[in-house]
């Protein structure tokens, strides 16, 4: 029984899909092929994975690894179904990420999977959450972070990153100023990295090191901050504020605002106007 695949997001050299398999012990495995480099996080169920790299049982938290062009089989001899968030990379795109990881020379998997690792828990939790709240910009970052984290795990403990150079600080500052000026626009990480003359992975890592959050998180923080100010200071409709500050739809804005502020936009506005000493 072929699994169901739903494309969540994609960009130059990468893509991510939600893969749901409903096979059970009665279904015989069949040979499949990795069309690109595959890094897939198992979120539910378990299955047997067999490839030229070896065989392994994958459970929630494990990460499946597959080289481009290699054949594989997935079996469910001991249980029903599974679900994965599956990232696919063009080999040259992945190589550009690997090149920015200290100690890594090239990316060619030699083992079929990484076991569940404590260091990956926060990243995998964010991926699973993002699957239900699809955001292409967030998945672009997650693709880079997952590839980098897997590379680090495969080469062993990475050397601590040194302080960013003055040149990199200058480049990130330019990116910050652009985000500040254009947070309401679609700002692709790849475009920001290109303008900074940095690889996307190096840009993401350096940005987070200097700013304390990823570019996507900084964009969201900027949008939500500006929305909160406008809710306090104006009588504009919530929908107008949502669209003007860069949110593509009202439900996404409401959900993200409530998650950060603890109140819906309307409730936040009402609470602020009832605050002691507030004059409207």
C-alpha atoms as a PDB file:
ATOM      1  CA  UNK A   1       0.000   0.000   0.000  1.00  0.00           C
ATOM      2  CA  UNK A   2       1.590   3.257  -1.163  1.00  0.00           C
ATOM      3  CA  UNK A   3       1.844   6.029   1.451  1.00  0.00           C
ATOM      4  CA  UNK A   4       0.003   9.320   1.031  1.00  0.00           C
ATOM      5  CA  UNK A   5       2.266  12.307   0.470  1.00  0.00           C
ATOM      6  CA  UNK A   6       1.288  15.955   0.963  1.00  0.00           C
ATOM      7  CA  UNK A   7       3.742  18.645  -0.095  1.00  0.00           C
ATOM      8  CA  UNK A   8       4.076  21.168   2.725  1.00  0.00           C
ATOM      9  CA  UNK A   9       6.612  23.565   1.252  1.00  0.00           C
ATOM     10  CA  UNK A  10       9.456  23.738  -1.239  1.00  0.00           C
ATOM     11  CA  UNK A  11      12.154  26.011  -2.542  1.00  0.00           C
ATOM     12  CA  UNK A  12      15.284  25.924  -4.696  1.00  0.00           C
ATOM     13  CA  UNK A  13      17.013  22.639  -3.918  1.00  0.00           C
ATOM     14  CA  UNK A  14      14.685  21.452  -1.143  1.00  0.00           C
ATOM     15  CA  UNK A  15      11.172  20.261  -0.369  1.00  0.00           C
ATOM     16  CA  UNK A  16       9.263  18.869   2.593  1.00  0.00           C
ATOM     17  CA  UNK A  17       6.267  16.541   2.648  1.00  0.00           C
ATOM     18  CA  UNK A  18       3.949  15.022   5.208  1.00  0.00           C
ATOM     19  CA  UNK A  19       4.088  11.263   4.592  1.00  0.00           C
ATOM     20  CA  UNK A  20       1.311   9.100   6.029  1.00  0.00           C
ATOM     21  CA  UNK A  21       1.491   5.311   5.597  1.00  0.00           C
ATOM     22  CA  UNK A  22      -1.402   3.040   6.561  1.00  0.00           C
ATOM     23  CA  UNK A  23       0.301  -0.271   5.728  1.00  0.00           C
ATOM     24  CA  UNK A  24      -0.048  -3.181   8.139  1.00  0.00           C
ATOM     25  CA  UNK A  25       1.579  -6.619   8.571  1.00  0.00           C
ATOM     26  CA  UNK A  26      -0.520  -8.025   5.747  1.00  0.00           C
ATOM     27  CA  UNK A  27       1.038  -5.645   3.205  1.00  0.00           C
ATOM     28  CA  UNK A  28       4.239  -6.799   1.564  1.00  0.00           C
ATOM     29  CA  UNK A  29       6.999  -4.197   1.272  1.00  0.00           C
ATOM     30  CA  UNK A  30       7.861  -3.008  -2.223  1.00  0.00           C
ATOM     31  CA  UNK A  31      10.994  -1.359  -3.557  1.00  0.00           C
ATOM     32  CA  UNK A  32      11.063   2.432  -3.713  1.00  0.00           C
ATOM     33  CA  UNK A  33      13.749   4.928  -4.686  1.00  0.00           C
ATOM     34  CA  UNK A  34      15.017   8.143  -3.157  1.00  0.00           C
ATOM     35  CA  UNK A  35      14.899  10.691  -5.977  1.00  0.00           C
ATOM     36  CA  UNK A  36      16.840  13.183  -3.831  1.00  0.00           C
ATOM     37  CA  UNK A  37      18.756  13.081  -0.558  1.00  0.00           C
ATOM     38  CA  UNK A  38      16.192  12.226   2.115  1.00  0.00           C
ATOM     39  CA  UNK A  39      16.155  13.188   5.797  1.00  0.00           C
ATOM     40  CA  UNK A  40      12.836  12.176   7.341  1.00  0.00           C
ATOM     41  CA  UNK A  41      11.759  12.531  10.968  1.00  0.00           C
ATOM     42  CA  UNK A  42       9.404   9.856  12.264  1.00  0.00           C
ATOM     43  CA  UNK A  43       6.575  11.380  14.293  1.00  0.00           C
ATOM     44  CA  UNK A  44       4.173   8.439  14.756  1.00  0.00           C
ATOM     45  CA  UNK A  45       4.305   4.652  14.457  1.00  0.00           C
ATOM     46  CA  UNK A  46       7.249   2.434  13.686  1.00  0.00           C
ATOM     47  CA  UNK A  47       8.504   0.498  10.668  1.00  0.00           C
ATOM     48  CA  UNK A  48      11.424  -1.493   9.322  1.00  0.00           C
ATOM     49  CA  UNK A  49      13.648   0.412   6.890  1.00  0.00           C
ATOM     50  CA  UNK A  50      15.978  -1.473   4.574  1.00  0.00           C
ATOM     51  CA  UNK A  51      18.409   0.085   2.132  1.00  0.00           C
ATOM     52  CA  UNK A  52      21.925  -0.395   0.799  1.00  0.00           C
ATOM     53  CA  UNK A  53      23.118   1.324   3.996  1.00  0.00           C
ATOM     54  CA  UNK A  54      21.651  -1.453   6.170  1.00  0.00           C
ATOM     55  CA  UNK A  55      18.449  -2.228   8.025  1.00  0.00           C
ATOM     56  CA  UNK A  56      16.962  -0.467  11.040  1.00  0.00           C
ATOM     57  CA  UNK A  57      13.759  -0.155  13.016  1.00  0.00           C
ATOM     58  CA  UNK A  58      12.550   3.436  13.066  1.00  0.00           C
ATOM     59  CA  UNK A  59      10.393   4.718  15.924  1.00  0.00           C
ATOM     60  CA  UNK A  60       9.130   8.201  16.794  1.00  0.00           C
ATOM     61  CA  UNK A  61      12.080  10.560  17.165  1.00  0.00           C
ATOM     62  CA  UNK A  62      14.320   8.593  14.797  1.00  0.00           C
ATOM     63  CA  UNK A  63      15.586  10.165  11.565  1.00  0.00           C
ATOM     64  CA  UNK A  64      15.624   8.178   8.329  1.00  0.00           C
ATOM     65  CA  UNK A  65      18.588   8.804   6.020  1.00  0.00           C
ATOM     66  CA  UNK A  66      18.682   8.095   2.305  1.00  0.00           C
ATOM     67  CA  UNK A  67      21.132   8.975  -0.452  1.00  0.00           C
ATOM     68  CA  UNK A  68      19.865  10.265  -3.780  1.00  0.00           C
ATOM     69  CA  UNK A  69      19.232   7.454  -6.236  1.00  0.00           C
ATOM     70  CA  UNK A  70      19.336   4.649  -3.659  1.00  0.00           C
ATOM     71  CA  UNK A  71      16.591   2.049  -3.399  1.00  0.00           C
ATOM     72  CA  UNK A  72      14.843   1.077  -0.187  1.00  0.00           C
ATOM     73  CA  UNK A  73      11.944  -0.823   1.373  1.00  0.00           C
ATOM     74  CA  UNK A  74       9.736  -0.024   4.338  1.00  0.00           C
ATOM     75  CA  UNK A  75       7.957  -2.851   6.143  1.00  0.00           C
ATOM     76  CA  UNK A  76       5.347  -3.021   8.890  1.00  0.00           C
ATOM     77  CA  UNK A  77       5.725  -6.565  10.127  1.00  0.00           C
ATOM     78  CA  UNK A  78       5.026  -5.573  13.731  1.00  0.00           C
ATOM     79  CA  UNK A  79       2.459  -2.789  13.588  1.00  0.00           C
ATOM     80  CA  UNK A  80       0.135  -0.613  11.563  1.00  0.00           C
ATOM     81  CA  UNK A  81       1.191   2.555   9.784  1.00  0.00           C
ATOM     82  CA  UNK A  82       3.480   5.475  10.468  1.00  0.00           C
ATOM     83  CA  UNK A  83       3.859   9.172   9.767  1.00  0.00           C
ATOM     84  CA  UNK A  84       6.955  11.209   8.879  1.00  0.00           C
ATOM     85  CA  UNK A  85       7.962  14.762   8.044  1.00  0.00           C
ATOM     86  CA  UNK A  86      10.205  14.093   5.073  1.00  0.00           C
ATOM     87  CA  UNK A  87      12.753  16.604   3.752  1.00  0.00           C
ATOM     88  CA  UNK A  88      14.334  16.155   0.349  1.00  0.00           C
ATOM     89  CA  UNK A  89      17.467  17.955  -0.839  1.00  0.00           C
ATOM     90  CA  UNK A  90      19.207  18.297  -4.149  1.00  0.00           C
ATOM     91  CA  UNK A  91      22.744  16.953  -3.559  1.00  0.00           C
ATOM     92  CA  UNK A  92      24.460  20.241  -4.409  1.00  0.00           C
ATOM     93  CA  UNK A  93      22.150  22.182  -2.083  1.00  0.00           C
ATOM     94  CA  UNK A  94      22.894  19.811   0.771  1.00  0.00           C
ATOM     95  CA  UNK A  95      26.615  20.018   0.072  1.00  0.00           C
ATOM     96  CA  UNK A  96      26.448  23.806   0.514  1.00  0.00           C
ATOM     97  CA  UNK A  97      24.943  23.247   3.982  1.00  0.00           C
ATOM     98  CA  UNK A  98      27.469  20.591   4.929  1.00  0.00           C
ATOM     99  CA  UNK A  99      30.342  22.850   3.880  1.00  0.00           C
ATOM    100  CA  UNK A 100      29.380  25.293   6.649  1.00  0.00           C
ATOM    101  CA  UNK A 101      29.489  22.649   9.415  1.00  0.00           C
ATOM    102  CA  UNK A 102      32.856  22.420  11.208  1.00  0.00           C
ATOM    103  CA  UNK A 103      34.525  19.062  10.661  1.00  0.00           C
ATOM    104  CA  UNK A 104      32.225  17.922   7.850  1.00  0.00           C
ATOM    105  CA  UNK A 105      33.852  17.248   4.489  1.00  0.00           C
ATOM    106  CA  UNK A 106      31.003  15.843   2.406  1.00  0.00           C
ATOM    107  CA  UNK A 107      27.524  14.449   2.784  1.00  0.00           C
ATOM    108  CA  UNK A 108      27.118  10.814   1.830  1.00  0.00           C
ATOM    109  CA  UNK A 109      25.188   8.800   4.371  1.00  0.00           C
ATOM    110  CA  UNK A 110      26.801   5.572   5.541  1.00  0.00           C
ATOM    111  CA  UNK A 111      24.125   4.538   8.049  1.00  0.00           C
ATOM    112  CA  UNK A 112      20.358   4.172   7.487  1.00  0.00           C
ATOM    113  CA  UNK A 113      19.136   6.226  10.412  1.00  0.00           C
ATOM    114  CA  UNK A 114      19.876   8.307  13.471  1.00  0.00           C
ATOM    115  CA  UNK A 115      18.222   7.021  16.664  1.00  0.00           C
ATOM    116  CA  UNK A 116      16.060   9.345  18.775  1.00  0.00           C
ATOM    117  CA  UNK A 117      18.465  11.918  20.225  1.00  0.00           C
ATOM    118  CA  UNK A 118      17.775  14.400  23.056  1.00  0.00           C
ATOM    119  CA  UNK A 119      19.537  17.154  21.112  1.00  0.00           C
ATOM    120  CA  UNK A 120      16.980  16.864  18.293  1.00  0.00           C
ATOM    121  CA  UNK A 121      13.840  16.986  20.472  1.00  0.00           C
ATOM    122  CA  UNK A 122      13.241  20.772  20.232  1.00  0.00           C
ATOM    123  CA  UNK A 123      13.798  20.784  16.473  1.00  0.00           C
ATOM    124  CA  UNK A 124      11.529  17.787  15.831  1.00  0.00           C
ATOM    125  CA  UNK A 125       8.808  19.261  18.050  1.00  0.00           C
ATOM    126  CA  UNK A 126       8.911  22.474  16.045  1.00  0.00           C
ATOM    127  CA  UNK A 127       8.699  20.485  12.809  1.00  0.00           C
ATOM    128  CA  UNK A 128       5.645  18.559  13.973  1.00  0.00           C
ATOM    129  CA  UNK A 129       3.952  21.766  15.078  1.00  0.00           C
ATOM    130  CA  UNK A 130       4.770  23.477  11.780  1.00  0.00           C
ATOM    131  CA  UNK A 131       3.211  20.587   9.860  1.00  0.00           C
ATOM    132  CA  UNK A 132      -0.201  21.568  11.185  1.00  0.00           C
ATOM    133  CA  UNK A 133       0.409  25.312  10.708  1.00  0.00           C
ATOM    134  CA  UNK A 134       2.057  25.299   7.312  1.00  0.00           C
ATOM    135  CA  UNK A 135       4.454  28.200   6.833  1.00  0.00           C
ATOM    136  CA  UNK A 136       6.892  28.020   3.933  1.00  0.00           C
ATOM    137  CA  UNK A 137       9.368  30.436   5.510  1.00  0.00           C
ATOM    138  CA  UNK A 138       9.493  28.391   8.692  1.00  0.00           C
ATOM    139  CA  UNK A 139      10.034  25.162   6.771  1.00  0.00           C
ATOM    140  CA  UNK A 140      12.877  26.754   4.811  1.00  0.00           C
ATOM    141  CA  UNK A 141      14.649  27.363   8.123  1.00  0.00           C
ATOM    142  CA  UNK A 142      13.742  23.931   9.440  1.00  0.00           C
ATOM    143  CA  UNK A 143      15.222  22.284   6.349  1.00  0.00           C
ATOM    144  CA  UNK A 144      18.534  24.041   6.928  1.00  0.00           C
ATOM    145  CA  UNK A 145      18.547  23.374  10.666  1.00  0.00           C
ATOM    146  CA  UNK A 146      17.703  19.693  10.283  1.00  0.00           C
ATOM    147  CA  UNK A 147      20.369  19.137   7.645  1.00  0.00           C
ATOM    148  CA  UNK A 148      22.908  20.923   9.822  1.00  0.00           C
ATOM    149  CA  UNK A 149      21.905  19.014  12.961  1.00  0.00           C
ATOM    150  CA  UNK A 150      22.121  15.664  11.173  1.00  0.00           C
ATOM    151  CA  UNK A 151      25.543  16.573   9.783  1.00  0.00           C
ATOM    152  CA  UNK A 152      26.767  17.535  13.257  1.00  0.00           C
ATOM    153  CA  UNK A 153      25.473  14.255  14.668  1.00  0.00           C
ATOM    154  CA  UNK A 154      27.201  12.241  11.950  1.00  0.00           C
ATOM    155  CA  UNK A 155      30.609  13.901  12.338  1.00  0.00           C
ATOM    156  CA  UNK A 156      30.468  13.844  16.133  1.00  0.00           C
ATOM    157  CA  UNK A 157      30.559  16.768  18.521  1.00  0.00           C
ATOM    158  CA  UNK A 158      31.122  19.885  16.493  1.00  0.00           C
ATOM    159  CA  UNK A 159      33.657  22.451  17.611  1.00  0.00           C
ATOM    160  CA  UNK A 160      32.076  25.448  19.326  1.00  0.00           C
ATOM    161  CA  UNK A 161      31.356  28.174  16.830  1.00  0.00           C
ATOM    162  CA  UNK A 162      33.630  31.165  17.138  1.00  0.00           C
ATOM    163  CA  UNK A 163      32.428  34.728  17.349  1.00  0.00           C
ATOM    164  CA  UNK A 164      31.118  36.108  14.050  1.00  0.00           C
ATOM    165  CA  UNK A 165      33.574  38.247  12.135  1.00  0.00           C
ATOM    166  CA  UNK A 166      33.125  41.992  11.793  1.00  0.00           C
ATOM    167  CA  UNK A 167      32.183  41.410   8.148  1.00  0.00           C
ATOM    168  CA  UNK A 168      29.477  38.912   9.098  1.00  0.00           C
ATOM    169  CA  UNK A 169      28.164  41.277  11.777  1.00  0.00           C
ATOM    170  CA  UNK A 170      27.895  43.992   9.144  1.00  0.00           C
ATOM    171  CA  UNK A 171      26.078  41.666   6.744  1.00  0.00           C
ATOM    172  CA  UNK A 172      23.597  40.512   9.381  1.00  0.00           C
ATOM    173  CA  UNK A 173      22.976  44.112  10.420  1.00  0.00           C
ATOM    174  CA  UNK A 174      22.073  44.971   6.840  1.00  0.00           C
ATOM    175  CA  UNK A 175      19.650  42.026   6.802  1.00  0.00           C
ATOM    176  CA  UNK A 176      18.123  43.176  10.097  1.00  0.00           C
ATOM    177  CA  UNK A 177      17.523  46.637   8.712  1.00  0.00           C
ATOM    178  CA  UNK A 178      15.864  45.216   5.613  1.00  0.00           C
ATOM    179  CA  UNK A 179      13.585  43.016   7.729  1.00  0.00           C
ATOM    180  CA  UNK A 180      12.727  46.013   9.894  1.00  0.00           C
ATOM    181  CA  UNK A 181      11.796  48.047   6.813  1.00  0.00           C
ATOM    182  CA  UNK A 182       9.980  45.282   4.932  1.00  0.00           C
ATOM    183  CA  UNK A 183       8.630  42.880   7.578  1.00  0.00           C
ATOM    184  CA  UNK A 184       5.188  43.088   5.973  1.00  0.00           C
ATOM    185  CA  UNK A 185       6.611  41.665   2.732  1.00  0.00           C
ATOM    186  CA  UNK A 186       7.551  38.073   1.880  1.00  0.00           C
ATOM    187  CA  UNK A 187      11.239  37.782   2.770  1.00  0.00           C
ATOM    188  CA  UNK A 188      12.731  34.470   1.678  1.00  0.00           C
ATOM    189  CA  UNK A 189      15.694  33.279   3.699  1.00  0.00           C
ATOM    190  CA  UNK A 190      17.531  32.336   0.505  1.00  0.00           C
ATOM    191  CA  UNK A 191      17.152  35.896  -0.809  1.00  0.00           C
ATOM    192  CA  UNK A 192      18.389  37.433   2.437  1.00  0.00           C
ATOM    193  CA  UNK A 193      21.365  35.088   2.450  1.00  0.00           C
ATOM    194  CA  UNK A 194      22.153  35.864  -1.195  1.00  0.00           C
ATOM    195  CA  UNK A 195      22.108  39.597  -0.517  1.00  0.00           C
ATOM    196  CA  UNK A 196      24.449  39.007   2.415  1.00  0.00           C
ATOM    197  CA  UNK A 197      26.783  36.964   0.175  1.00  0.00           C
ATOM    198  CA  UNK A 198      26.512  34.020   2.571  1.00  0.00           C
ATOM    199  CA  UNK A 199      25.303  30.454   2.161  1.00  0.00           C
ATOM    200  CA  UNK A 200      21.777  30.010   3.569  1.00  0.00           C
ATOM    201  CA  UNK A 201      22.965  27.737   6.377  1.00  0.00           C
ATOM    202  CA  UNK A 202      25.838  30.044   7.373  1.00  0.00           C
ATOM    203  CA  UNK A 203      23.486  33.032   7.233  1.00  0.00           C
ATOM    204  CA  UNK A 204      20.889  31.286   9.420  1.00  0.00           C
ATOM    205  CA  UNK A 205      23.466  30.138  11.973  1.00  0.00           C
ATOM    206  CA  UNK A 206      25.186  33.535  12.157  1.00  0.00           C
ATOM    207  CA  UNK A 207      21.881  35.418  12.331  1.00  0.00           C
ATOM    208  CA  UNK A 208      20.695  33.276  15.244  1.00  0.00           C
ATOM    209  CA  UNK A 209      24.045  33.625  17.005  1.00  0.00           C
ATOM    210  CA  UNK A 210      23.987  37.416  16.762  1.00  0.00           C
ATOM    211  CA  UNK A 211      20.270  38.139  17.163  1.00  0.00           C
ATOM    212  CA  UNK A 212      19.211  35.317  19.481  1.00  0.00           C
ATOM    213  CA  UNK A 213      16.471  34.063  17.154  1.00  0.00           C
ATOM    214  CA  UNK A 214      16.115  32.909  13.564  1.00  0.00           C
ATOM    215  CA  UNK A 215      15.205  35.284  10.725  1.00  0.00           C
ATOM    216  CA  UNK A 216      11.692  33.825  10.541  1.00  0.00           C
ATOM    217  CA  UNK A 217      11.185  34.281  14.277  1.00  0.00           C
ATOM    218  CA  UNK A 218      12.440  37.858  14.016  1.00  0.00           C
ATOM    219  CA  UNK A 219      10.026  38.599  11.166  1.00  0.00           C
ATOM    220  CA  UNK A 220       7.116  37.200  13.197  1.00  0.00           C
ATOM    221  CA  UNK A 221       8.175  39.143  16.302  1.00  0.00           C
ATOM    222  CA  UNK A 222       8.343  42.352  14.269  1.00  0.00           C
ATOM    223  CA  UNK A 223       4.937  41.779  12.682  1.00  0.00           C
ATOM    224  CA  UNK A 224       3.254  40.901  15.997  1.00  0.00           C
ATOM    225  CA  UNK A 225       4.825  43.887  17.746  1.00  0.00           C
ATOM    226  CA  UNK A 226       3.568  46.274  15.095  1.00  0.00           C
ATOM    227  CA  UNK A 227       0.135  44.674  15.154  1.00  0.00           C
ATOM    228  CA  UNK A 228      -0.038  45.053  18.950  1.00  0.00           C
ATOM    229  CA  UNK A 229       0.882  48.735  18.711  1.00  0.00           C
ATOM    230  CA  UNK A 230      -1.801  49.370  16.092  1.00  0.00           C
ATOM    231  CA  UNK A 231      -4.402  47.493  18.122  1.00  0.00           C
ATOM    232  CA  UNK A 232      -3.620  49.788  21.056  1.00  0.00           C
ATOM    233  CA  UNK A 233      -3.478  53.022  19.100  1.00  0.00           C
ATOM    234  CA  UNK A 234      -6.126  52.769  16.399  1.00  0.00           C
ATOM    235  CA  UNK A 235      -9.673  51.719  15.619  1.00  0.00           C
ATOM    236  CA  UNK A 236      -8.686  49.835  12.488  1.00  0.00           C
ATOM    237  CA  UNK A 237     -10.291  46.453  12.026  1.00  0.00           C
ATOM    238  CA  UNK A 238      -8.347  43.410  13.150  1.00  0.00           C
ATOM    239  CA  UNK A 239      -8.338  42.044   9.607  1.00  0.00           C
ATOM    240  CA  UNK A 240      -6.891  45.274   8.176  1.00  0.00           C
ATOM    241  CA  UNK A 241      -4.097  45.229  10.748  1.00  0.00           C
ATOM    242  CA  UNK A 242      -3.408  41.543  10.074  1.00  0.00           C
ATOM    243  CA  UNK A 243      -3.022  42.015   6.324  1.00  0.00           C
ATOM    244  CA  UNK A 244      -1.091  45.290   6.585  1.00  0.00           C
ATOM    245  CA  UNK A 245       1.473  43.802   8.943  1.00  0.00           C
ATOM    246  CA  UNK A 246       2.184  40.870   6.641  1.00  0.00           C
ATOM    247  CA  UNK A 247      -0.096  38.007   7.668  1.00  0.00           C
ATOM    248  CA  UNK A 248      -1.655  36.248   4.723  1.00  0.00           C
ATOM    249  CA  UNK A 249      -4.916  35.338   6.426  1.00  0.00           C
ATOM    250  CA  UNK A 250      -6.843  36.304   9.528  1.00  0.00           C
ATOM    251  CA  UNK A 251      -6.922  32.855  11.132  1.00  0.00           C
ATOM    252  CA  UNK A 252      -3.122  32.595  11.059  1.00  0.00           C
ATOM    253  CA  UNK A 253      -2.801  36.057  12.604  1.00  0.00           C
ATOM    254  CA  UNK A 254      -5.312  35.260  15.345  1.00  0.00           C
ATOM    255  CA  UNK A 255      -3.611  31.975  16.171  1.00  0.00           C
ATOM    256  CA  UNK A 256      -0.093  33.403  16.313  1.00  0.00           C
ATOM    257  CA  UNK A 257      -1.149  36.508  18.234  1.00  0.00           C
ATOM    258  CA  UNK A 258      -2.946  34.442  20.866  1.00  0.00           C
ATOM    259  CA  UNK A 259       0.024  32.095  21.203  1.00  0.00           C
ATOM    260  CA  UNK A 260       2.409  34.969  21.942  1.00  0.00           C
ATOM    261  CA  UNK A 261       0.154  37.447  23.754  1.00  0.00           C
ATOM    262  CA  UNK A 262      -2.140  35.014  25.537  1.00  0.00           C
ATOM    263  CA  UNK A 263      -5.235  36.816  24.199  1.00  0.00           C
ATOM    264  CA  UNK A 264      -6.981  37.122  20.875  1.00  0.00           C
ATOM    265  CA  UNK A 265      -6.335  40.433  19.057  1.00  0.00           C
ATOM    266  CA  UNK A 266      -9.825  41.707  19.959  1.00  0.00           C
ATOM    267  CA  UNK A 267      -9.463  40.702  23.610  1.00  0.00           C
ATOM    268  CA  UNK A 268      -6.015  42.298  23.740  1.00  0.00           C
ATOM    269  CA  UNK A 269      -7.376  45.567  22.376  1.00  0.00           C
ATOM    270  CA  UNK A 270     -10.254  45.550  24.865  1.00  0.00           C
ATOM    271  CA  UNK A 271      -7.943  44.784  27.789  1.00  0.00           C
ATOM    272  CA  UNK A 272      -5.535  47.555  26.850  1.00  0.00           C
ATOM    273  CA  UNK A 273      -8.340  50.096  26.587  1.00  0.00           C
ATOM    274  CA  UNK A 274      -9.628  49.147  30.010  1.00  0.00           C
ATOM    275  CA  UNK A 275      -6.195  49.486  31.633  1.00  0.00           C
ATOM    276  CA  UNK A 276      -6.093  52.089  34.450  1.00  0.00           C
ATOM    277  CA  UNK A 277      -4.977  55.496  33.288  1.00  0.00           C
ATOM    278  CA  UNK A 278      -5.531  54.724  29.629  1.00  0.00           C
ATOM    279  CA  UNK A 279      -7.027  57.663  27.726  1.00  0.00           C
ATOM    280  CA  UNK A 280      -8.700  57.146  24.357  1.00  0.00           C
END
